[in-house]
Amino acid sequence: MKKGIIFDIQYNCIYDGPGIRTCVFFKGCPLRCAWCHNPESQRLDPQMSYFAEKCVLCGSCMKTCPNHAIQITKKRMERNVGKCALCGECARVCPNGAMEKIGREVNVGEVVEIVMRDEPFYKNSGGGVTISGGEPTLQSVFLLELLSELKNKGIHTAIETSGYFEPDLINELCKNTDLFLFDIKHADPAAHKAYTGVTNEKIMFNLKSIFELVGQNRIIPRIPMIPGFNTNTDTIENIIKIIIAAGYFGSVHIMHYNNTARSKWEKIGRGLEYCDYGKLSDEETGALKSQFEKAGFEVVIN
């Protein structure tokens, strides 16, 4: 069976598709969204994290490291990334859980075995398994085999996607994906690239192509609301035009910016890159909701 790299499996999820779901988080993403709430998912390969506030500088990690990649200073632990073999021994011996290995290699069978343990919950609630990330399609071979295995077992499947992937994947994705949770971040290619690192032409093409193949009931556009980036009236109007041009008139999900991710950036040594975009007021959220509703969409605030 194919192997891939995941960094988390979460259970009893209720915001990632219908019913009670298990979410499998793939590592790796081609985007670099400035507001990313899973920055540990961006790199495809495993990495070590460090919670300085949990560290008591006991030296257990330094003594255990087989490659002598760790040094303890008076203020914190320092890791020599060039020497680190990502073996995870330092995390295993840390008494306070100040370290974590993010990402592990698994095969499709292992993932299926884990998620099938909650099959009764899926059946009773109309739920299933959602593949998230990162961007799941970056590990396309692993993703397609996993989706196929789950479908063969009668499990409802969903993927959360940025839409940024090669169009030649669309047919195979549609065969085994019951629901696409499809992010739309901005209508303008230049603004999209400035904040995510990629333009949006491929995303828009994939949105329209998937909708033409699966119809209204198997795709949900989702718009992350990022203050100062895509929450003004004109930008929302242009996003609405894109959705309508794709032929979609179903439910639209709008999602608040997650401003609790600072610790995630810090634990992977990227704390200085973190940007807090603030929070939309209830009044602003209501105005955005109303704008979509006036265009004929049912709106879910997620």
C-alpha atoms as a PDB file:
ATOM      1  CA  MET A   1       0.000   0.000   0.000  1.00  0.00           C
ATOM      2  CA  LYS A   2       1.040   3.581  -0.648  1.00  0.00           C
ATOM      3  CA  LYS A   3       2.689   5.592   2.103  1.00  0.00           C
ATOM      4  CA  GLY A   4       2.216   9.203   3.032  1.00  0.00           C
ATOM      5  CA  ILE A   5       3.022  11.666   5.797  1.00  0.00           C
ATOM      6  CA  ILE A   6       0.331  12.828   8.200  1.00  0.00           C
ATOM      7  CA  PHE A   7       0.659  15.013  11.284  1.00  0.00           C
ATOM      8  CA  ASP A   8      -2.606  14.490  13.118  1.00  0.00           C
ATOM      9  CA  ILE A   9      -5.837  12.530  13.302  1.00  0.00           C
ATOM     10  CA  GLN A  10      -8.718  14.206  15.115  1.00  0.00           C
ATOM     11  CA  TYR A  11     -11.923  12.495  16.212  1.00  0.00           C
ATOM     12  CA  ASN A  12     -15.525  13.600  16.803  1.00  0.00           C
ATOM     13  CA  CYS A  13     -15.212  16.529  14.385  1.00  0.00           C
ATOM     14  CA  ILE A  14     -18.455  18.334  13.518  1.00  0.00           C
ATOM     15  CA  TYR A  15     -17.318  21.287  11.383  1.00  0.00           C
ATOM     16  CA  ASP A  16     -15.613  19.427   8.549  1.00  0.00           C
ATOM     17  CA  GLY A  17     -18.525  17.922   6.669  1.00  0.00           C
ATOM     18  CA  PRO A  18     -21.819  16.296   7.682  1.00  0.00           C
ATOM     19  CA  GLY A  19     -22.295  14.257  10.830  1.00  0.00           C
ATOM     20  CA  ILE A  20     -19.574  13.088  13.195  1.00  0.00           C
ATOM     21  CA  ARG A  21     -16.270  12.765  11.382  1.00  0.00           C
ATOM     22  CA  THR A  22     -12.658  11.779  11.767  1.00  0.00           C
ATOM     23  CA  CYS A  23     -10.194  14.244  10.217  1.00  0.00           C
ATOM     24  CA  VAL A  24      -6.866  13.046   8.857  1.00  0.00           C
ATOM     25  CA  PHE A  25      -4.353  15.860   8.420  1.00  0.00           C
ATOM     26  CA  PHE A  26      -1.798  15.487   5.617  1.00  0.00           C
ATOM     27  CA  LYS A  27       1.526  17.273   5.757  1.00  0.00           C
ATOM     28  CA  GLY A  28       2.627  19.545   2.919  1.00  0.00           C
ATOM     29  CA  CYS A  29       1.071  22.559   1.229  1.00  0.00           C
ATOM     30  CA  PRO A  30       2.003  24.549  -1.909  1.00  0.00           C
ATOM     31  CA  LEU A  31       0.494  27.717  -0.416  1.00  0.00           C
ATOM     32  CA  ARG A  32       2.034  29.973   2.204  1.00  0.00           C
ATOM     33  CA  CYS A  33      -0.999  31.806   3.515  1.00  0.00           C
ATOM     34  CA  ALA A  34       0.023  34.667   5.779  1.00  0.00           C
ATOM     35  CA  TRP A  35      -2.757  33.731   8.238  1.00  0.00           C
ATOM     36  CA  CYS A  36      -2.181  29.954   8.170  1.00  0.00           C
ATOM     37  CA  HIS A  37      -3.629  28.292  11.287  1.00  0.00           C
ATOM     38  CA  ASN A  38      -1.723  25.051  10.634  1.00  0.00           C
ATOM     39  CA  PRO A  39       1.794  26.312   9.829  1.00  0.00           C
ATOM     40  CA  GLU A  40       3.206  22.967  10.942  1.00  0.00           C
ATOM     41  CA  SER A  41       1.477  21.472   7.895  1.00  0.00           C
ATOM     42  CA  GLN A  42       3.321  23.544   5.305  1.00  0.00           C
ATOM     43  CA  ARG A  43       6.488  21.442   5.073  1.00  0.00           C
ATOM     44  CA  LEU A  44       6.000  17.995   3.574  1.00  0.00           C
ATOM     45  CA  ASP A  45       8.691  16.351   5.691  1.00  0.00           C
ATOM     46  CA  PRO A  46       8.454  15.732   9.457  1.00  0.00           C
ATOM     47  CA  GLN A  47       9.875  18.374  11.796  1.00  0.00           C
ATOM     48  CA  MET A  48      10.511  18.885  15.494  1.00  0.00           C
ATOM     49  CA  SER A  49       8.692  21.461  17.558  1.00  0.00           C
ATOM     50  CA  TYR A  50       9.629  23.116  20.839  1.00  0.00           C
ATOM     51  CA  PHE A  51       7.406  24.749  23.487  1.00  0.00           C
ATOM     52  CA  ALA A  52       9.822  26.990  25.369  1.00  0.00           C
ATOM     53  CA  GLU A  53       7.251  27.751  28.078  1.00  0.00           C
ATOM     54  CA  LYS A  54       7.088  24.045  29.015  1.00  0.00           C
ATOM     55  CA  CYS A  55      10.845  23.514  29.067  1.00  0.00           C
ATOM     56  CA  VAL A  56      12.573  23.350  32.480  1.00  0.00           C
ATOM     57  CA  LEU A  57      16.068  22.993  30.939  1.00  0.00           C
ATOM     58  CA  CYS A  58      16.598  19.624  32.610  1.00  0.00           C
ATOM     59  CA  GLY A  59      18.921  18.404  29.857  1.00  0.00           C
ATOM     60  CA  SER A  60      17.215  15.052  29.264  1.00  0.00           C
ATOM     61  CA  CYS A  61      16.874  15.777  25.565  1.00  0.00           C
ATOM     62  CA  MET A  62      20.543  16.752  25.205  1.00  0.00           C
ATOM     63  CA  LYS A  63      21.725  13.579  26.949  1.00  0.00           C
ATOM     64  CA  THR A  64      19.477  11.375  24.824  1.00  0.00           C
ATOM     65  CA  CYS A  65      20.099  12.864  21.370  1.00  0.00           C
ATOM     66  CA  PRO A  66      22.206  10.345  19.397  1.00  0.00           C
ATOM     67  CA  ASN A  67      23.554  13.018  17.046  1.00  0.00           C
ATOM     68  CA  HIS A  68      24.441  15.627  19.700  1.00  0.00           C
ATOM     69  CA  ALA A  69      22.120  18.080  17.950  1.00  0.00           C
ATOM     70  CA  ILE A  70      20.851  19.701  21.158  1.00  0.00           C
ATOM     71  CA  GLN A  71      22.486  22.170  23.494  1.00  0.00           C
ATOM     72  CA  ILE A  72      21.053  23.711  26.649  1.00  0.00           C
ATOM     73  CA  THR A  73      21.764  27.374  27.334  1.00  0.00           C
ATOM     74  CA  LYS A  74      20.797  29.346  30.401  1.00  0.00           C
ATOM     75  CA  LYS A  75      17.587  30.448  28.751  1.00  0.00           C
ATOM     76  CA  ARG A  76      16.418  27.709  26.331  1.00  0.00           C
ATOM     77  CA  MET A  77      17.105  24.593  24.354  1.00  0.00           C
ATOM     78  CA  GLU A  78      18.893  25.065  21.029  1.00  0.00           C
ATOM     79  CA  ARG A  79      18.654  22.513  18.217  1.00  0.00           C
ATOM     80  CA  ASN A  80      21.197  22.139  15.408  1.00  0.00           C
ATOM     81  CA  VAL A  81      18.817  21.388  12.531  1.00  0.00           C
ATOM     82  CA  GLY A  82      21.684  20.168  10.350  1.00  0.00           C
ATOM     83  CA  LYS A  83      22.553  17.434  12.841  1.00  0.00           C
ATOM     84  CA  CYS A  84      18.997  16.511  13.842  1.00  0.00           C
ATOM     85  CA  ALA A  85      17.879  13.159  12.390  1.00  0.00           C
ATOM     86  CA  LEU A  86      14.219  13.677  13.392  1.00  0.00           C
ATOM     87  CA  CYS A  87      14.316  10.464  15.411  1.00  0.00           C
ATOM     88  CA  GLY A  88      12.028  11.937  18.073  1.00  0.00           C
ATOM     89  CA  GLU A  89      14.029  10.576  21.015  1.00  0.00           C
ATOM     90  CA  CYS A  90      14.210  14.019  22.598  1.00  0.00           C
ATOM     91  CA  ALA A  91      10.414  14.284  22.600  1.00  0.00           C
ATOM     92  CA  ARG A  92      10.087  10.773  24.040  1.00  0.00           C
ATOM     93  CA  VAL A  93      12.222  11.540  27.107  1.00  0.00           C
ATOM     94  CA  CYS A  94      11.053  15.100  27.745  1.00  0.00           C
ATOM     95  CA  PRO A  95       9.251  15.040  31.141  1.00  0.00           C
ATOM     96  CA  ASN A  96       7.125  18.110  30.386  1.00  0.00           C
ATOM     97  CA  GLY A  97       6.138  17.468  26.781  1.00  0.00           C
ATOM     98  CA  ALA A  98       8.112  20.490  25.595  1.00  0.00           C
ATOM     99  CA  MET A  99       8.990  18.782  22.307  1.00  0.00           C
ATOM    100  CA  GLU A 100       6.960  17.060  19.660  1.00  0.00           C
ATOM    101  CA  LYS A 101       7.741  15.322  16.392  1.00  0.00           C
ATOM    102  CA  ILE A 102       5.313  16.672  13.820  1.00  0.00           C
ATOM    103  CA  GLY A 103       4.604  14.255  11.007  1.00  0.00           C
ATOM    104  CA  ARG A 104       4.920  10.504  10.637  1.00  0.00           C
ATOM    105  CA  GLU A 105       4.966   8.136   7.721  1.00  0.00           C
ATOM    106  CA  VAL A 106       1.990   5.791   7.482  1.00  0.00           C
ATOM    107  CA  ASN A 107       0.517   3.527   4.840  1.00  0.00           C
ATOM    108  CA  VAL A 108      -3.072   3.551   3.661  1.00  0.00           C
ATOM    109  CA  GLY A 109      -3.928   0.404   5.590  1.00  0.00           C
ATOM    110  CA  GLU A 110      -2.815   1.937   8.882  1.00  0.00           C
ATOM    111  CA  VAL A 111      -4.980   5.013   8.386  1.00  0.00           C
ATOM    112  CA  VAL A 112      -8.001   2.956   7.323  1.00  0.00           C
ATOM    113  CA  GLU A 113      -7.643   0.723  10.384  1.00  0.00           C
ATOM    114  CA  ILE A 114      -7.582   3.740  12.692  1.00  0.00           C
ATOM    115  CA  VAL A 115     -10.527   5.625  11.191  1.00  0.00           C
ATOM    116  CA  MET A 116     -12.719   2.511  10.869  1.00  0.00           C
ATOM    117  CA  ARG A 117     -12.776   2.203  14.657  1.00  0.00           C
ATOM    118  CA  ASP A 118     -15.371   4.991  14.661  1.00  0.00           C
ATOM    119  CA  GLU A 119     -17.537   3.497  11.903  1.00  0.00           C
ATOM    120  CA  PRO A 120     -20.604   3.232  14.198  1.00  0.00           C
ATOM    121  CA  PHE A 121     -20.465   7.001  14.789  1.00  0.00           C
ATOM    122  CA  TYR A 122     -20.340   7.664  11.043  1.00  0.00           C
ATOM    123  CA  LYS A 123     -23.290   5.391  10.350  1.00  0.00           C
ATOM    124  CA  ASN A 124     -25.447   6.789  13.158  1.00  0.00           C
ATOM    125  CA  SER A 125     -24.757  10.454  12.368  1.00  0.00           C
ATOM    126  CA  GLY A 126     -24.364  10.495   8.602  1.00  0.00           C
ATOM    127  CA  GLY A 127     -20.690  11.309   9.074  1.00  0.00           C
ATOM    128  CA  GLY A 128     -17.457   9.930   7.703  1.00  0.00           C
ATOM    129  CA  VAL A 129     -13.815  10.789   7.121  1.00  0.00           C
ATOM    130  CA  THR A 130     -12.437  14.168   6.053  1.00  0.00           C
ATOM    131  CA  ILE A 131      -8.946  14.531   4.617  1.00  0.00           C
ATOM    132  CA  SER A 132      -7.390  17.882   5.469  1.00  0.00           C
ATOM    133  CA  GLY A 133      -3.952  19.426   5.719  1.00  0.00           C
ATOM    134  CA  GLY A 134      -1.963  21.179   4.531  1.00  0.00           C
ATOM    135  CA  GLU A 135      -3.189  20.504   1.041  1.00  0.00           C
ATOM    136  CA  PRO A 136      -4.160  16.821   0.669  1.00  0.00           C
ATOM    137  CA  THR A 137      -3.652  16.750  -3.095  1.00  0.00           C
ATOM    138  CA  LEU A 138       0.070  17.439  -2.672  1.00  0.00           C
ATOM    139  CA  GLN A 139       0.321  13.745  -1.729  1.00  0.00           C
ATOM    140  CA  SER A 140      -1.999  12.776  -4.567  1.00  0.00           C
ATOM    141  CA  VAL A 141      -1.097   9.084  -4.946  1.00  0.00           C
ATOM    142  CA  PHE A 142      -1.506   8.437  -1.225  1.00  0.00           C
ATOM    143  CA  LEU A 143      -4.707  10.506  -1.149  1.00  0.00           C
ATOM    144  CA  LEU A 144      -6.379   8.738  -4.061  1.00  0.00           C
ATOM    145  CA  GLU A 145      -5.646   5.270  -2.678  1.00  0.00           C
ATOM    146  CA  LEU A 146      -6.909   6.251   0.767  1.00  0.00           C
ATOM    147  CA  LEU A 147     -10.126   7.705  -0.658  1.00  0.00           C
ATOM    148  CA  SER A 148     -10.669   4.576  -2.758  1.00  0.00           C
ATOM    149  CA  GLU A 149     -10.195   2.254   0.220  1.00  0.00           C
ATOM    150  CA  LEU A 150     -12.627   4.264   2.329  1.00  0.00           C
ATOM    151  CA  LYS A 151     -15.246   4.313  -0.432  1.00  0.00           C
ATOM    152  CA  ASN A 152     -14.894   0.559  -0.829  1.00  0.00           C
ATOM    153  CA  LYS A 153     -15.835   0.251   2.854  1.00  0.00           C
ATOM    154  CA  GLY A 154     -18.877   2.470   2.424  1.00  0.00           C
ATOM    155  CA  ILE A 155     -17.450   5.461   4.296  1.00  0.00           C
ATOM    156  CA  HIS A 156     -18.516   8.984   3.305  1.00  0.00           C
ATOM    157  CA  THR A 157     -15.426  10.910   2.212  1.00  0.00           C
ATOM    158  CA  ALA A 158     -14.642  14.617   2.127  1.00  0.00           C
ATOM    159  CA  ILE A 159     -11.531  16.641   1.401  1.00  0.00           C
ATOM    160  CA  GLU A 160     -10.678  20.152   2.522  1.00  0.00           C
ATOM    161  CA  THR A 161      -8.752  21.751  -0.311  1.00  0.00           C
ATOM    162  CA  SER A 162      -7.276  25.057  -1.368  1.00  0.00           C
ATOM    163  CA  GLY A 163      -8.110  24.047  -4.937  1.00  0.00           C
ATOM    164  CA  TYR A 164      -4.502  24.489  -5.963  1.00  0.00           C
ATOM    165  CA  PHE A 165      -3.618  21.245  -7.727  1.00  0.00           C
ATOM    166  CA  GLU A 166      -3.110  19.937 -11.236  1.00  0.00           C
ATOM    167  CA  PRO A 167      -6.412  19.630 -13.137  1.00  0.00           C
ATOM    168  CA  ASP A 168      -5.531  16.126 -14.319  1.00  0.00           C
ATOM    169  CA  LEU A 169      -6.382  14.934 -10.771  1.00  0.00           C
ATOM    170  CA  ILE A 170      -9.987  16.060 -10.986  1.00  0.00           C
ATOM    171  CA  ASN A 171     -11.563  12.974 -12.549  1.00  0.00           C
ATOM    172  CA  GLU A 172      -9.969  10.567 -10.065  1.00  0.00           C
ATOM    173  CA  LEU A 173     -10.772  12.839  -7.129  1.00  0.00           C
ATOM    174  CA  CYS A 174     -14.417  13.047  -8.134  1.00  0.00           C
ATOM    175  CA  LYS A 175     -14.732   9.251  -8.329  1.00  0.00           C
ATOM    176  CA  ASN A 176     -14.044   8.745  -4.642  1.00  0.00           C
ATOM    177  CA  THR A 177     -14.777  12.084  -2.945  1.00  0.00           C
ATOM    178  CA  ASP A 178     -18.340  12.581  -1.732  1.00  0.00           C
ATOM    179  CA  LEU A 179     -17.836  16.185  -0.697  1.00  0.00           C
ATOM    180  CA  PHE A 180     -15.341  18.908  -1.626  1.00  0.00           C
ATOM    181  CA  LEU A 181     -14.870  21.655   0.971  1.00  0.00           C
ATOM    182  CA  PHE A 182     -13.329  24.148  -1.433  1.00  0.00           C
ATOM    183  CA  ASP A 183     -11.634  27.315  -0.158  1.00  0.00           C
ATOM    184  CA  ILE A 184     -11.939  30.577  -2.089  1.00  0.00           C
ATOM    185  CA  LYS A 185      -9.664  33.210  -0.630  1.00  0.00           C
ATOM    186  CA  HIS A 186      -9.672  36.099  -3.090  1.00  0.00           C
ATOM    187  CA  ALA A 187     -10.872  36.960  -6.586  1.00  0.00           C
ATOM    188  CA  ASP A 188      -7.846  38.990  -7.656  1.00  0.00           C
ATOM    189  CA  PRO A 189      -4.824  36.920  -8.817  1.00  0.00           C
ATOM    190  CA  ALA A 190      -2.253  39.510  -7.688  1.00  0.00           C
ATOM    191  CA  ALA A 191      -3.726  39.889  -4.193  1.00  0.00           C
ATOM    192  CA  HIS A 192      -4.061  36.118  -3.921  1.00  0.00           C
ATOM    193  CA  LYS A 193      -0.382  35.649  -4.745  1.00  0.00           C
ATOM    194  CA  ALA A 194       0.748  38.415  -2.396  1.00  0.00           C
ATOM    195  CA  TYR A 195      -0.889  36.730   0.601  1.00  0.00           C
ATOM    196  CA  THR A 196      -0.711  33.020  -0.288  1.00  0.00           C
ATOM    197  CA  GLY A 197       2.330  32.741  -2.575  1.00  0.00           C
ATOM    198  CA  VAL A 198       0.327  31.503  -5.582  1.00  0.00           C
ATOM    199  CA  THR A 199      -2.125  33.024  -8.052  1.00  0.00           C
ATOM    200  CA  ASN A 200      -5.704  31.797  -8.217  1.00  0.00           C
ATOM    201  CA  GLU A 201      -6.258  30.969 -11.907  1.00  0.00           C
ATOM    202  CA  LYS A 202      -5.726  27.227 -11.403  1.00  0.00           C
ATOM    203  CA  ILE A 203      -7.998  27.322  -8.352  1.00  0.00           C
ATOM    204  CA  MET A 204     -10.816  28.986 -10.263  1.00  0.00           C
ATOM    205  CA  PHE A 205     -10.475  26.527 -13.145  1.00  0.00           C
ATOM    206  CA  ASN A 206     -10.620  23.568 -10.751  1.00  0.00           C
ATOM    207  CA  LEU A 207     -13.649  24.982  -8.939  1.00  0.00           C
ATOM    208  CA  LYS A 208     -15.650  25.241 -12.153  1.00  0.00           C
ATOM    209  CA  SER A 209     -14.451  21.860 -13.428  1.00  0.00           C
ATOM    210  CA  ILE A 210     -15.351  20.016 -10.222  1.00  0.00           C
ATOM    211  CA  PHE A 211     -18.752  21.639 -10.061  1.00  0.00           C
ATOM    212  CA  GLU A 212     -19.495  20.602 -13.647  1.00  0.00           C
ATOM    213  CA  LEU A 213     -18.695  16.998 -12.725  1.00  0.00           C
ATOM    214  CA  VAL A 214     -20.317  16.642  -9.294  1.00  0.00           C
ATOM    215  CA  GLY A 215     -23.048  19.305  -9.133  1.00  0.00           C
ATOM    216  CA  GLN A 216     -24.468  21.303  -6.235  1.00  0.00           C
ATOM    217  CA  ASN A 217     -24.626  18.582  -3.609  1.00  0.00           C
ATOM    218  CA  ARG A 218     -20.977  17.534  -3.520  1.00  0.00           C
ATOM    219  CA  ILE A 219     -19.102  20.823  -3.262  1.00  0.00           C
ATOM    220  CA  ILE A 220     -19.254  23.660  -0.746  1.00  0.00           C
ATOM    221  CA  PRO A 221     -17.352  26.914  -1.335  1.00  0.00           C
ATOM    222  CA  ARG A 222     -15.761  28.159   1.878  1.00  0.00           C
ATOM    223  CA  ILE A 223     -14.406  31.660   2.358  1.00  0.00           C
ATOM    224  CA  PRO A 224     -11.951  32.322   5.201  1.00  0.00           C
ATOM    225  CA  MET A 225     -12.667  35.867   6.332  1.00  0.00           C
ATOM    226  CA  ILE A 226      -9.326  37.620   6.803  1.00  0.00           C
ATOM    227  CA  PRO A 227      -9.687  41.234   8.006  1.00  0.00           C
ATOM    228  CA  GLY A 228      -7.796  43.620   5.760  1.00  0.00           C
ATOM    229  CA  PHE A 229      -7.436  41.029   3.013  1.00  0.00           C
ATOM    230  CA  ASN A 230     -10.791  39.908   1.682  1.00  0.00           C
ATOM    231  CA  THR A 231     -13.548  41.311   3.883  1.00  0.00           C
ATOM    232  CA  ASN A 232     -14.360  44.520   2.042  1.00  0.00           C
ATOM    233  CA  THR A 233     -17.567  44.796   0.026  1.00  0.00           C
ATOM    234  CA  ASP A 234     -15.935  44.884  -3.413  1.00  0.00           C
ATOM    235  CA  THR A 235     -13.801  41.790  -2.791  1.00  0.00           C
ATOM    236  CA  ILE A 236     -16.793  39.822  -1.520  1.00  0.00           C
ATOM    237  CA  GLU A 237     -18.804  40.909  -4.532  1.00  0.00           C
ATOM    238  CA  ASN A 238     -16.089  39.614  -6.852  1.00  0.00           C
ATOM    239  CA  ILE A 239     -15.956  36.300  -4.965  1.00  0.00           C
ATOM    240  CA  ILE A 240     -19.721  36.017  -5.356  1.00  0.00           C
ATOM    241  CA  LYS A 241     -19.378  36.600  -9.099  1.00  0.00           C
ATOM    242  CA  ILE A 242     -16.805  33.795  -9.345  1.00  0.00           C
ATOM    243  CA  ILE A 243     -19.091  31.357  -7.532  1.00  0.00           C
ATOM    244  CA  ILE A 244     -22.063  32.284  -9.687  1.00  0.00           C
ATOM    245  CA  ALA A 245     -19.971  32.043 -12.860  1.00  0.00           C
ATOM    246  CA  ALA A 246     -19.092  28.482 -11.863  1.00  0.00           C
ATOM    247  CA  GLY A 247     -22.813  27.748 -11.857  1.00  0.00           C
ATOM    248  CA  TYR A 248     -23.153  27.279  -8.095  1.00  0.00           C
ATOM    249  CA  PHE A 249     -26.147  28.456  -6.047  1.00  0.00           C
ATOM    250  CA  GLY A 250     -25.998  26.201  -2.990  1.00  0.00           C
ATOM    251  CA  SER A 251     -24.712  26.725   0.534  1.00  0.00           C
ATOM    252  CA  VAL A 252     -21.653  28.905   1.190  1.00  0.00           C
ATOM    253  CA  HIS A 253     -19.584  28.656   4.369  1.00  0.00           C
ATOM    254  CA  ILE A 254     -17.848  31.732   5.738  1.00  0.00           C
ATOM    255  CA  MET A 255     -15.147  31.070   8.300  1.00  0.00           C
ATOM    256  CA  HIS A 256     -13.715  33.415  10.883  1.00  0.00           C
ATOM    257  CA  TYR A 257      -9.986  34.005  10.885  1.00  0.00           C
ATOM    258  CA  ASN A 258      -8.400  31.851  13.589  1.00  0.00           C
ATOM    259  CA  ASN A 259      -6.286  34.184  15.718  1.00  0.00           C
ATOM    260  CA  THR A 260      -5.239  31.494  18.204  1.00  0.00           C
ATOM    261  CA  ALA A 261      -2.437  30.049  16.069  1.00  0.00           C
ATOM    262  CA  ARG A 262       0.467  32.108  17.463  1.00  0.00           C
ATOM    263  CA  SER A 263       1.729  29.226  19.622  1.00  0.00           C
ATOM    264  CA  LYS A 264       1.797  26.944  16.550  1.00  0.00           C
ATOM    265  CA  TRP A 265       4.088  29.368  14.717  1.00  0.00           C
ATOM    266  CA  GLU A 266       6.281  29.728  17.792  1.00  0.00           C
ATOM    267  CA  LYS A 267       6.665  25.998  18.421  1.00  0.00           C
ATOM    268  CA  ILE A 268       8.190  25.461  14.951  1.00  0.00           C
ATOM    269  CA  GLY A 269      10.543  28.424  15.335  1.00  0.00           C
ATOM    270  CA  ARG A 270       8.574  30.818  13.121  1.00  0.00           C
ATOM    271  CA  GLY A 271       7.020  33.045  15.763  1.00  0.00           C
ATOM    272  CA  LEU A 272       8.310  36.241  14.167  1.00  0.00           C
ATOM    273  CA  GLU A 273       6.396  35.424  10.971  1.00  0.00           C
ATOM    274  CA  TYR A 274       3.043  35.254  12.728  1.00  0.00           C
ATOM    275  CA  CYS A 275       0.517  37.927  11.740  1.00  0.00           C
ATOM    276  CA  ASP A 276      -2.574  38.706  13.806  1.00  0.00           C
ATOM    277  CA  TYR A 277      -5.235  40.061  11.473  1.00  0.00           C
ATOM    278  CA  GLY A 278      -7.663  40.884  14.244  1.00  0.00           C
ATOM    279  CA  LYS A 279     -11.263  39.829  14.646  1.00  0.00           C
ATOM    280  CA  LEU A 280     -14.398  40.704  12.733  1.00  0.00           C
ATOM    281  CA  SER A 281     -17.126  42.256  14.842  1.00  0.00           C
ATOM    282  CA  ASP A 282     -20.569  40.692  14.943  1.00  0.00           C
ATOM    283  CA  GLU A 283     -21.802  43.626  12.885  1.00  0.00           C
ATOM    284  CA  GLU A 284     -19.141  43.054  10.204  1.00  0.00           C
ATOM    285  CA  THR A 285     -19.848  39.337  10.121  1.00  0.00           C
ATOM    286  CA  GLY A 286     -23.560  40.023   9.769  1.00  0.00           C
ATOM    287  CA  ALA A 287     -22.928  42.395   6.858  1.00  0.00           C
ATOM    288  CA  LEU A 288     -20.849  39.763   5.039  1.00  0.00           C
ATOM    289  CA  LYS A 289     -23.514  37.148   5.633  1.00  0.00           C
ATOM    290  CA  SER A 290     -26.174  39.504   4.308  1.00  0.00           C
ATOM    291  CA  GLN A 291     -24.151  40.221   1.167  1.00  0.00           C
ATOM    292  CA  PHE A 292     -24.030  36.519   0.278  1.00  0.00           C
ATOM    293  CA  GLU A 293     -27.700  36.026   1.149  1.00  0.00           C
ATOM    294  CA  LYS A 294     -28.762  38.893  -1.102  1.00  0.00           C
ATOM    295  CA  ALA A 295     -26.952  37.093  -3.935  1.00  0.00           C
ATOM    296  CA  GLY A 296     -29.125  34.042  -3.317  1.00  0.00           C
ATOM    297  CA  PHE A 297     -26.848  31.834  -1.184  1.00  0.00           C
ATOM    298  CA  GLU A 298     -27.649  30.036   2.032  1.00  0.00           C
ATOM    299  CA  VAL A 299     -24.880  31.008   4.445  1.00  0.00           C
ATOM    300  CA  VAL A 300     -23.324  28.939   7.209  1.00  0.00           C
ATOM    301  CA  ILE A 301     -20.965  30.720   9.605  1.00  0.00           C
ATOM    302  CA  ASN A 302     -18.382  28.073  10.509  1.00  0.00           C
END
